[in-house]
Amino acid sequence: MQYVINLDGRYYFSRRVPSELIEFDKRKKIRFALRTDSKREALRLAAIKNAELESYWHQLVQTGKKHCHDLYEAAVKRASLWGTQYQTNQELADGPILELLRRLQQVDKQNDNPHHVEALLGGAPKPVIKLDDALKKYWEYSREKTLDKSPNQVRKWKNPRKLAIRHFIGCVGNKPITELTRDDLLKFKDWWIARIEEEHYAINSANKDFIHVKSVVSTVNKNLKLGIDTSHLFMELILEDDDQRQRRSFETDYILNKLLSPANLEGLTDQEKCAVYGIAELGVGLTEQVNLDPCNIILDDPIPRLVFIPKKQKGLKTKYRRREIPLIGFALEAYRKCPNGLTAYTDAPDRLSSVVGKHFRDKGLYPTDQHTLYSLRHSFQDRLLEVNAPDRVQADLMGHKFSREAYGKGATLEKKMEWLKKYNSNLNLVGNMIDEKRIQ
């Protein structure tokens, strides 16, 4: 799906109306300017416009109506054309008299065109959008967020948002979002506090729900100009987290002598071991590793490295995860055994995590229930701190946002290698001088 054409250096959206929809939409072709000379931007905008178009066609089929812009959204767009934010007639009546007079003057200038009158004086009622419908609209308005994600990544992106809205509806009912009150959100907060106290849920689970619900409501409110005061509605919902609930790091000696001992890794495949070494020694997450292509595993250069860049349907978790990490120690030897990457688990990090996690649990290798495979990434961060790596180097290696304003390109490969060697000296590993038996 692209539906983008280039005419004289400018990009346009162009799509024929499918034959099965001619009954509802008599237009032969939809074409309009995307107002950009950037192909990348054009593709992004075209995806958004195509989602809106398909949603519109779906509504025509569902209602049996013929092509005609939705009354409310058309009024909103017409109002914006005249430099005016759409307001219903009741909102205008309740607002400043000068604003109403200004709009009446604009109506007079438009020769009483009924569509302009409707747009300027609020003749179209605001749509009633319930919470479950709001989620459907949120998918449409957030289409650009999934452009670089694989089907599995899209599923993982959608699921927590679906769950949050389901929890919210279960708590306050499937209300129209324009009727949500501050009391509804406080009720939801109390509901989550009770679950945390009684069922020992993590505080972060509640906070994620609050964030997802706010994102859905705010996005729909913004796109449809519903006038909801989301700042007040969602004010001070986030719960303070308890450090004791956070994932705990592994001690360095425990990683080296217990977790990564040949006996305890016996039974894992080379690719599964490679994933463990990658996260233990380089702090690289499983999702990042399973999406590496062979061209991003560079073994023959003076500084062997892994290159993490976003690719089509293989998006990174955040923009800060775009980085290069020198390969060293166990991780280098492991990737020499897997030069094509973790092909058995392409786009399946959850399955990889499940397999390795079960292996470690079955061998009793997690000291507490707060330890997981991901704890190895926390351990990597701890060891960077132990060798006093500069904040910028830590951020560049971890794929984190740098807390201060960043200048330049960041740490070079040579500088990253220098600090990784210091880091590895704490593990009694220096460069590539390691015991081959450890990764047999």
Protein backbone atom coordinates (compact mmCIF):
# COMPACT_ATOMS: atom_id res chain seq x y z
CA MET A 1 0.00 0.00 0.00
CA GLN A 2 1.44 3.36 -1.05
CA TYR A 3 -1.05 5.34 -3.19
CA VAL A 4 1.58 8.04 -3.73
CA ILE A 5 2.48 9.62 -7.07
CA ASN A 6 5.05 12.29 -7.92
CA LEU A 7 4.03 15.07 -10.28
CA ASP A 8 6.67 17.71 -11.06
CA GLY A 9 8.53 17.06 -7.81
CA ARG A 10 5.45 17.24 -5.56
CA TYR A 11 3.66 14.24 -4.06
CA TYR A 12 -0.03 13.43 -4.32
CA PHE A 13 -2.32 10.82 -2.80
CA SER A 14 -4.02 8.87 -5.60
CA ARG A 15 -6.32 5.90 -5.28
CA ARG A 16 -9.11 4.45 -7.38
CA VAL A 17 -12.40 3.66 -5.68
CA PRO A 18 -12.64 -0.17 -5.47
CA SER A 19 -15.28 -1.57 -7.84
CA GLU A 20 -17.22 -3.12 -4.96
CA LEU A 21 -17.67 0.34 -3.44
CA ILE A 22 -18.89 2.21 -6.55
CA GLU A 23 -22.47 1.76 -5.30
CA PHE A 24 -21.60 3.89 -2.26
CA ASP A 25 -18.93 6.21 -3.68
CA LYS A 26 -19.45 7.26 -7.32
CA ARG A 27 -16.03 8.90 -7.63
CA LYS A 28 -13.69 7.06 -9.96
CA LYS A 29 -10.49 8.28 -8.34
CA ILE A 30 -9.52 10.17 -5.21
CA ARG A 31 -6.51 12.42 -5.74
CA PHE A 32 -5.24 15.34 -3.70
CA ALA A 33 -1.96 17.09 -2.90
CA LEU A 34 0.06 15.97 0.11
CA ARG A 35 1.86 19.34 0.06
CA THR A 36 5.35 17.94 0.42
CA ASP A 37 8.37 17.23 -1.78
CA SER A 38 9.68 14.60 0.67
CA LYS A 39 8.89 11.02 -0.30
CA ARG A 40 9.23 9.80 3.28
CA GLU A 41 6.81 12.44 4.55
CA ALA A 42 4.46 11.71 1.64
CA LEU A 43 4.34 8.01 2.51
CA ARG A 44 3.60 8.86 6.13
CA LEU A 45 0.79 11.26 5.21
CA ALA A 46 -0.61 8.89 2.59
CA ALA A 47 -0.89 6.09 5.15
CA ILE A 48 -2.86 8.39 7.47
CA LYS A 49 -5.15 9.61 4.67
CA ASN A 50 -5.68 6.09 3.38
CA ALA A 51 -6.73 4.92 6.85
CA GLU A 52 -9.22 7.80 7.02
CA LEU A 53 -10.53 6.97 3.55
CA GLU A 54 -11.00 3.27 4.33
CA SER A 55 -12.74 4.12 7.59
CA TYR A 56 -15.08 6.44 5.64
CA TRP A 57 -15.87 3.69 3.12
CA HIS A 58 -16.53 1.27 5.97
CA GLN A 59 -19.05 3.70 7.47
CA LEU A 60 -20.81 4.05 4.11
CA VAL A 61 -21.19 0.28 3.83
CA GLN A 62 -22.34 -0.07 7.44
CA THR A 63 -24.98 2.67 7.17
CA GLY A 64 -25.95 2.17 3.53
CA LYS A 65 -25.35 5.88 2.87
CA LYS A 66 -23.95 7.31 -0.35
CA HIS A 67 -20.76 9.36 -0.49
CA CYS A 68 -21.15 12.53 1.55
CA HIS A 69 -18.77 13.91 4.17
CA ASP A 70 -19.81 13.25 7.72
CA LEU A 71 -21.85 16.21 8.92
CA TYR A 72 -19.81 17.04 11.99
CA GLU A 73 -16.31 16.40 10.66
CA ALA A 74 -17.13 18.32 7.49
CA ALA A 75 -18.30 21.26 9.59
CA VAL A 76 -15.10 21.12 11.65
CA LYS A 77 -12.96 21.20 8.52
CA ARG A 78 -14.95 24.00 6.93
CA ALA A 79 -14.65 26.08 10.09
CA SER A 80 -10.87 25.62 10.04
CA LEU A 81 -10.78 26.83 6.43
CA TRP A 82 -12.20 30.13 7.63
CA GLY A 83 -9.62 30.38 10.38
CA THR A 84 -12.16 29.48 13.07
CA GLN A 85 -12.32 26.65 15.59
CA TYR A 86 -15.62 24.78 15.39
CA GLN A 87 -18.02 25.27 18.29
CA THR A 88 -21.59 24.06 18.68
CA ASN A 89 -24.32 26.70 18.76
CA GLN A 90 -24.77 26.05 22.49
CA GLU A 91 -21.06 26.68 23.10
CA LEU A 92 -21.28 29.89 21.12
CA ALA A 93 -24.35 31.00 23.06
CA ASP A 94 -22.53 30.36 26.35
CA GLY A 95 -19.33 32.07 25.20
CA PRO A 96 -18.21 35.67 24.74
CA ILE A 97 -20.69 37.84 22.78
CA LEU A 98 -17.83 39.34 20.72
CA GLU A 99 -16.94 35.91 19.33
CA LEU A 100 -20.54 35.35 18.25
CA LEU A 101 -20.65 38.79 16.58
CA ARG A 102 -17.37 38.09 14.79
CA ARG A 103 -18.77 34.88 13.34
CA LEU A 104 -22.01 36.53 12.30
CA GLN A 105 -19.96 39.05 10.34
CA GLN A 106 -18.13 36.17 8.60
CA VAL A 107 -21.46 34.53 7.75
CA ASP A 108 -22.63 37.77 6.16
CA LYS A 109 -19.50 37.86 4.00
CA GLN A 110 -20.21 34.32 2.77
CA ASN A 111 -23.64 35.26 1.38
CA ASP A 112 -25.45 32.97 3.79
CA ASN A 113 -24.05 29.78 2.23
CA PRO A 114 -25.78 27.13 4.40
CA HIS A 115 -22.64 25.02 4.75
CA HIS A 116 -20.61 28.01 5.89
CA VAL A 117 -23.35 29.03 8.30
CA GLU A 118 -23.31 25.52 9.76
CA ALA A 119 -19.54 25.56 10.14
CA LEU A 120 -19.32 29.05 11.63
CA LEU A 121 -22.41 28.99 13.85
CA GLY A 122 -22.25 25.40 15.06
CA GLY A 123 -25.20 23.74 13.37
CA ALA A 124 -23.77 20.23 13.48
CA PRO A 125 -24.02 18.43 16.85
CA LYS A 126 -20.91 16.84 18.31
CA PRO A 127 -20.79 13.08 17.74
CA VAL A 128 -21.50 10.74 20.62
CA ILE A 129 -18.36 8.59 20.91
CA LYS A 130 -18.32 5.96 23.60
CA LEU A 131 -15.12 4.58 25.05
CA ASP A 132 -15.05 1.45 22.89
CA ASP A 133 -15.65 3.55 19.75
CA ALA A 134 -12.94 5.96 20.87
CA LEU A 135 -10.42 3.12 20.77
CA LYS A 136 -11.39 2.30 17.18
CA LYS A 137 -10.93 5.93 16.19
CA TYR A 138 -7.63 6.01 18.06
CA TRP A 139 -6.28 3.28 15.74
CA GLU A 140 -7.21 5.47 12.76
CA TYR A 141 -5.68 8.65 14.15
CA SER A 142 -2.49 6.85 15.30
CA ARG A 143 -1.79 4.96 12.10
CA GLU A 144 1.61 6.61 11.70
CA LYS A 145 2.76 5.03 14.97
CA THR A 146 2.67 1.56 13.40
CA LEU A 147 4.21 2.31 10.00
CA ASP A 148 7.58 0.72 10.88
CA LYS A 149 6.19 -2.08 13.04
CA SER A 150 5.82 -5.74 12.10
CA PRO A 151 2.42 -7.44 12.59
CA ASN A 152 3.69 -8.86 15.88
CA GLN A 153 4.90 -5.46 17.03
CA VAL A 154 1.54 -3.89 16.08
CA ARG A 155 -0.25 -6.57 18.12
CA LYS A 156 1.99 -5.89 21.13
CA TRP A 157 1.46 -2.15 20.73
CA LYS A 158 -2.33 -2.48 20.58
CA ASN A 159 -2.87 -5.07 23.32
CA PRO A 160 -2.03 -2.92 26.39
CA ARG A 161 -4.23 -0.12 25.05
CA LYS A 162 -7.11 -2.53 24.50
CA LEU A 163 -6.63 -3.86 28.02
CA ALA A 164 -6.55 -0.37 29.54
CA ILE A 165 -9.81 0.66 27.86
CA ARG A 166 -11.39 -2.67 28.87
CA HIS A 167 -10.37 -2.07 32.49
CA PHE A 168 -11.68 1.51 32.36
CA ILE A 169 -15.03 0.46 30.86
CA GLY A 170 -15.34 -2.28 33.49
CA CYS A 171 -14.84 0.36 36.18
CA VAL A 172 -16.93 3.34 34.97
CA GLY A 173 -19.06 1.88 32.18
CA ASN A 174 -18.98 2.44 28.43
CA LYS A 175 -19.64 6.19 28.69
CA PRO A 176 -19.43 8.78 25.90
CA ILE A 177 -15.99 10.33 26.29
CA THR A 178 -17.52 13.82 26.37
CA GLU A 179 -19.34 12.80 29.57
CA LEU A 180 -16.27 11.59 31.44
CA THR A 181 -15.73 13.38 34.75
CA ARG A 182 -12.86 13.81 37.15
CA ASP A 183 -14.75 11.51 39.53
CA ASP A 184 -14.64 8.74 36.89
CA LEU A 185 -10.85 8.94 36.75
CA LEU A 186 -10.51 9.04 40.55
CA LYS A 187 -12.79 6.00 40.73
CA PHE A 188 -10.49 4.23 38.26
CA LYS A 189 -7.49 5.20 40.38
CA ASP A 190 -9.15 3.79 43.53
CA TRP A 191 -10.03 0.60 41.64
CA TRP A 192 -6.37 0.12 40.73
CA ILE A 193 -5.14 0.87 44.25
CA ALA A 194 -7.47 -1.84 45.58
CA ARG A 195 -6.09 -4.35 43.04
CA ILE A 196 -2.51 -3.47 43.99
CA GLU A 197 -3.27 -3.95 47.71
CA GLU A 198 -5.38 -7.09 47.40
CA GLU A 199 -3.96 -8.88 44.37
CA HIS A 200 -0.35 -7.60 44.51
CA TYR A 201 -0.30 -6.06 41.06
CA ALA A 202 2.70 -3.92 40.15
CA ILE A 203 2.14 -0.17 40.49
CA ASN A 204 3.50 0.26 36.98
CA SER A 205 0.55 -1.75 35.62
CA ALA A 206 -1.82 0.89 36.95
CA ASN A 207 0.29 3.75 35.63
CA LYS A 208 0.40 2.22 32.15
CA ASP A 209 -3.41 1.99 32.14
CA PHE A 210 -3.72 5.65 33.13
CA ILE A 211 -1.29 6.68 30.37
CA HIS A 212 -3.02 4.59 27.68
CA VAL A 213 -6.53 5.78 28.57
CA LYS A 214 -5.35 9.39 28.53
CA SER A 215 -3.66 8.90 25.16
CA VAL A 216 -6.83 7.45 23.59
CA VAL A 217 -9.15 10.12 24.96
CA SER A 218 -6.75 12.99 24.23
CA THR A 219 -6.06 11.87 20.65
CA VAL A 220 -9.74 11.52 19.75
CA ASN A 221 -10.55 14.78 21.52
CA LYS A 222 -7.85 16.61 19.59
CA ASN A 223 -8.78 15.21 16.18
CA LEU A 224 -12.51 15.80 16.55
CA LYS A 225 -12.16 19.05 18.53
CA LEU A 226 -14.55 17.82 21.21
CA GLY A 227 -13.43 20.37 23.77
CA ILE A 228 -12.65 17.92 26.60
CA ASP A 229 -10.37 19.36 29.30
CA THR A 230 -8.01 16.38 29.40
CA SER A 231 -5.44 18.23 31.54
CA HIS A 232 -7.92 18.48 34.40
CA LEU A 233 -9.46 15.07 33.76
CA PHE A 234 -6.18 13.15 34.06
CA MET A 235 -4.40 15.38 36.56
CA GLU A 236 -2.19 13.64 39.19
CA LEU A 237 -3.26 10.06 38.51
CA ILE A 238 0.22 8.49 38.34
CA LEU A 239 1.10 6.44 41.43
CA GLU A 240 4.54 6.62 43.00
CA ASP A 241 6.34 3.39 42.35
CA ASP A 242 7.91 1.23 45.04
CA ASP A 243 11.54 0.40 44.34
CA GLN A 244 11.02 -3.04 45.87
CA ARG A 245 8.73 -3.90 42.97
CA GLN A 246 11.37 -3.11 40.34
CA ARG A 247 13.35 -5.80 38.58
CA ARG A 248 16.49 -6.58 40.55
CA SER A 249 19.95 -6.80 39.04
CA PHE A 250 22.16 -9.90 39.18
CA GLU A 251 25.48 -9.60 41.00
CA THR A 252 28.48 -9.77 38.67
CA ASP A 253 29.97 -12.89 40.29
CA TYR A 254 26.60 -14.62 40.05
CA ILE A 255 26.34 -13.88 36.32
CA LEU A 256 29.85 -15.09 35.59
CA ASN A 257 30.06 -18.17 37.80
CA LYS A 258 26.44 -19.29 37.95
CA LEU A 259 24.15 -17.90 35.27
CA LEU A 260 26.62 -18.21 32.38
CA SER A 261 28.34 -21.41 33.49
CA PRO A 262 28.43 -24.07 30.73
CA ALA A 263 26.50 -26.54 32.89
CA ASN A 264 23.61 -24.13 33.46
CA LEU A 265 23.41 -23.16 29.78
CA GLU A 266 23.43 -26.78 28.63
CA GLY A 267 20.21 -27.55 26.74
CA LEU A 268 19.95 -24.15 25.05
CA THR A 269 20.62 -23.84 21.32
CA ASP A 270 23.47 -21.68 19.99
CA GLN A 271 20.97 -18.95 19.10
CA GLU A 272 19.38 -19.04 22.55
CA LYS A 273 22.83 -18.83 24.18
CA CYS A 274 23.69 -15.97 21.83
CA ALA A 275 20.65 -14.03 23.06
CA VAL A 276 21.70 -14.59 26.68
CA TYR A 277 25.29 -13.44 26.03
CA GLY A 278 24.02 -10.43 24.10
CA ILE A 279 21.87 -9.13 26.92
CA ALA A 280 24.33 -10.16 29.67
CA GLU A 281 27.44 -8.61 28.18
CA LEU A 282 26.06 -5.80 25.99
CA GLY A 283 22.71 -5.00 27.59
CA VAL A 284 20.96 -5.59 24.26
CA GLY A 285 17.27 -6.50 24.60
CA LEU A 286 15.82 -9.64 23.03
CA THR A 287 13.56 -7.72 20.64
CA GLU A 288 16.58 -5.85 19.31
CA GLN A 289 18.55 -9.04 18.82
CA VAL A 290 15.86 -11.10 17.06
CA ASN A 291 15.34 -8.33 14.50
CA LEU A 292 19.00 -8.10 13.49
CA ASP A 293 19.70 -8.87 9.84
CA PRO A 294 23.03 -10.41 8.78
CA CYS A 295 24.14 -7.05 7.34
CA ASN A 296 23.78 -5.53 10.83
CA ILE A 297 26.13 -8.10 12.40
CA ILE A 298 29.60 -6.89 11.44
CA LEU A 299 32.28 -9.39 12.43
CA ASP A 300 35.22 -8.71 10.09
CA ASP A 301 35.93 -5.04 10.81
CA PRO A 302 38.67 -3.92 13.24
CA ILE A 303 35.83 -3.21 15.69
CA PRO A 304 33.20 -5.96 15.35
CA ARG A 305 29.76 -4.58 16.20
CA LEU A 306 25.98 -4.82 16.14
CA VAL A 307 24.14 -2.07 14.28
CA PHE A 308 20.60 -1.23 15.38
CA ILE A 309 18.59 0.83 12.91
CA PRO A 310 14.84 0.92 12.25
CA LYS A 311 13.75 -1.03 9.20
CA LYS A 312 10.42 -1.53 7.52
CA GLN A 313 8.23 -3.60 9.86
CA LYS A 314 11.13 -3.83 12.32
CA GLY A 315 10.81 -0.65 14.31
CA LEU A 316 12.95 0.05 17.37
CA LYS A 317 11.39 0.40 20.81
CA THR A 318 12.34 4.08 20.95
CA LYS A 319 14.31 6.41 18.67
CA TYR A 320 17.16 6.30 21.20
CA ARG A 321 17.69 2.57 20.53
CA ARG A 322 19.27 3.45 17.16
CA ARG A 323 22.96 2.80 17.91
CA GLU A 324 26.09 0.74 17.26
CA ILE A 325 27.53 -1.49 19.98
CA PRO A 326 31.01 -3.07 19.77
CA LEU A 327 31.03 -6.85 20.12
CA ILE A 328 33.35 -8.10 22.83
CA GLY A 329 33.98 -11.15 24.99
CA PHE A 330 31.29 -13.85 25.22
CA ALA A 331 28.95 -11.88 22.96
CA LEU A 332 31.51 -11.68 20.14
CA GLU A 333 32.18 -15.41 20.22
CA ALA A 334 28.46 -16.16 20.38
CA TYR A 335 27.69 -14.03 17.33
CA ARG A 336 30.55 -15.67 15.45
CA LYS A 337 28.54 -18.86 15.89
CA CYS A 338 25.37 -17.06 14.71
CA PRO A 339 26.55 -14.67 11.95
CA ASN A 340 23.09 -14.60 10.36
CA GLY A 341 21.39 -13.61 13.59
CA LEU A 342 18.73 -15.34 15.65
CA THR A 343 16.84 -16.67 12.64
CA ALA A 344 14.85 -19.22 14.64
CA TYR A 345 13.18 -16.38 16.53
CA THR A 346 12.75 -13.64 13.91
CA ASP A 347 10.03 -11.27 15.15
CA ALA A 348 9.33 -13.66 18.03
CA PRO A 349 11.07 -12.17 21.10
CA ASP A 350 8.28 -13.30 23.41
CA ARG A 351 8.79 -16.92 22.41
CA LEU A 352 12.55 -16.58 22.90
CA SER A 353 12.04 -14.98 26.31
CA SER A 354 9.63 -17.75 27.29
CA VAL A 355 12.02 -20.54 26.25
CA VAL A 356 15.09 -19.07 27.98
CA GLY A 357 13.10 -17.92 31.00
CA LYS A 358 11.65 -21.40 31.51
CA HIS A 359 15.13 -22.91 31.18
CA PHE A 360 16.48 -20.60 33.93
CA ARG A 361 13.47 -21.18 36.18
CA ASP A 362 13.67 -24.95 35.78
CA LYS A 363 17.32 -24.79 36.88
CA GLY A 364 16.48 -22.49 39.78
CA LEU A 365 18.73 -19.69 38.49
CA TYR A 366 16.54 -16.74 39.48
CA PRO A 367 17.51 -15.77 43.06
CA THR A 368 14.14 -14.04 43.69
CA ASP A 369 10.79 -13.62 41.93
CA GLN A 370 11.93 -10.09 41.09
CA HIS A 371 14.68 -11.41 38.83
CA THR A 372 13.97 -12.05 35.15
CA LEU A 373 16.06 -12.42 32.02
CA TYR A 374 15.65 -8.66 31.50
CA SER A 375 17.40 -8.11 34.84
CA LEU A 376 20.63 -8.72 32.92
CA ARG A 377 20.11 -5.38 31.17
CA HIS A 378 19.86 -3.73 34.60
CA SER A 379 23.10 -5.49 35.58
CA PHE A 380 24.80 -4.11 32.48
CA GLN A 381 23.79 -0.59 33.52
CA ASP A 382 25.09 -1.21 37.06
CA ARG A 383 28.50 -2.29 35.79
CA LEU A 384 28.77 0.78 33.57
CA LEU A 385 28.23 2.83 36.71
CA GLU A 386 30.85 0.81 38.58
CA VAL A 387 33.54 1.73 36.05
CA ASN A 388 32.40 5.40 36.07
CA ALA A 389 31.48 5.47 32.39
CA PRO A 390 30.40 9.01 31.37
CA ASP A 391 26.65 9.63 31.24
CA ARG A 392 26.73 10.15 27.47
CA VAL A 393 28.54 6.83 26.94
CA GLN A 394 26.05 5.03 29.20
CA ALA A 395 23.11 6.51 27.30
CA ASP A 396 24.64 5.64 23.92
CA LEU A 397 25.30 2.03 24.94
CA MET A 398 21.96 1.49 26.69
CA GLY A 399 19.92 3.22 23.99
CA HIS A 400 18.52 5.70 26.51
CA LYS A 401 17.62 9.35 26.12
CA PHE A 402 20.52 11.54 27.23
CA SER A 403 19.24 13.57 30.18
CA ARG A 404 21.08 16.75 29.18
CA GLU A 405 21.04 18.52 25.83
CA ALA A 406 23.15 16.42 23.48
CA TYR A 407 25.63 17.91 21.06
CA GLY A 408 27.50 16.11 18.30
CA LYS A 409 27.19 12.48 17.29
CA GLY A 410 27.83 10.96 20.68
CA ALA A 411 30.42 8.39 21.68
CA THR A 412 32.51 6.92 18.86
CA LEU A 413 32.90 3.17 18.40
CA GLU A 414 36.45 3.46 19.71
CA LYS A 415 35.26 5.24 22.84
CA LYS A 416 32.50 2.67 23.39
CA MET A 417 35.02 -0.15 22.99
CA GLU A 418 37.36 1.55 25.48
CA TRP A 419 34.65 1.61 28.14
CA LEU A 420 33.41 -1.89 27.36
CA LYS A 421 36.95 -3.20 27.91
CA LYS A 422 37.06 -1.46 31.29
CA TYR A 423 33.66 -2.93 32.01
CA ASN A 424 34.82 -6.41 30.95
CA SER A 425 37.91 -6.19 33.12
CA ASN A 426 35.50 -6.29 36.06
CA LEU A 427 34.35 -9.65 34.74
CA ASN A 428 37.94 -10.86 34.33
CA LEU A 429 37.39 -10.66 30.58
CA VAL A 430 39.64 -8.61 28.35
CA GLY A 431 38.65 -8.04 24.74
CA ASN A 432 38.35 -11.38 22.99
CA MET A 433 40.55 -13.37 25.41
CA ILE A 434 37.95 -15.71 26.83
CA ASP A 435 37.55 -19.37 27.53
CA GLU A 436 36.15 -20.94 24.38
CA LYS A 437 34.64 -23.77 26.45
CA ARG A 438 32.31 -21.31 28.14
CA ILE A 439 30.26 -20.92 24.98
CA GLN A 440 30.45 -24.45 23.62
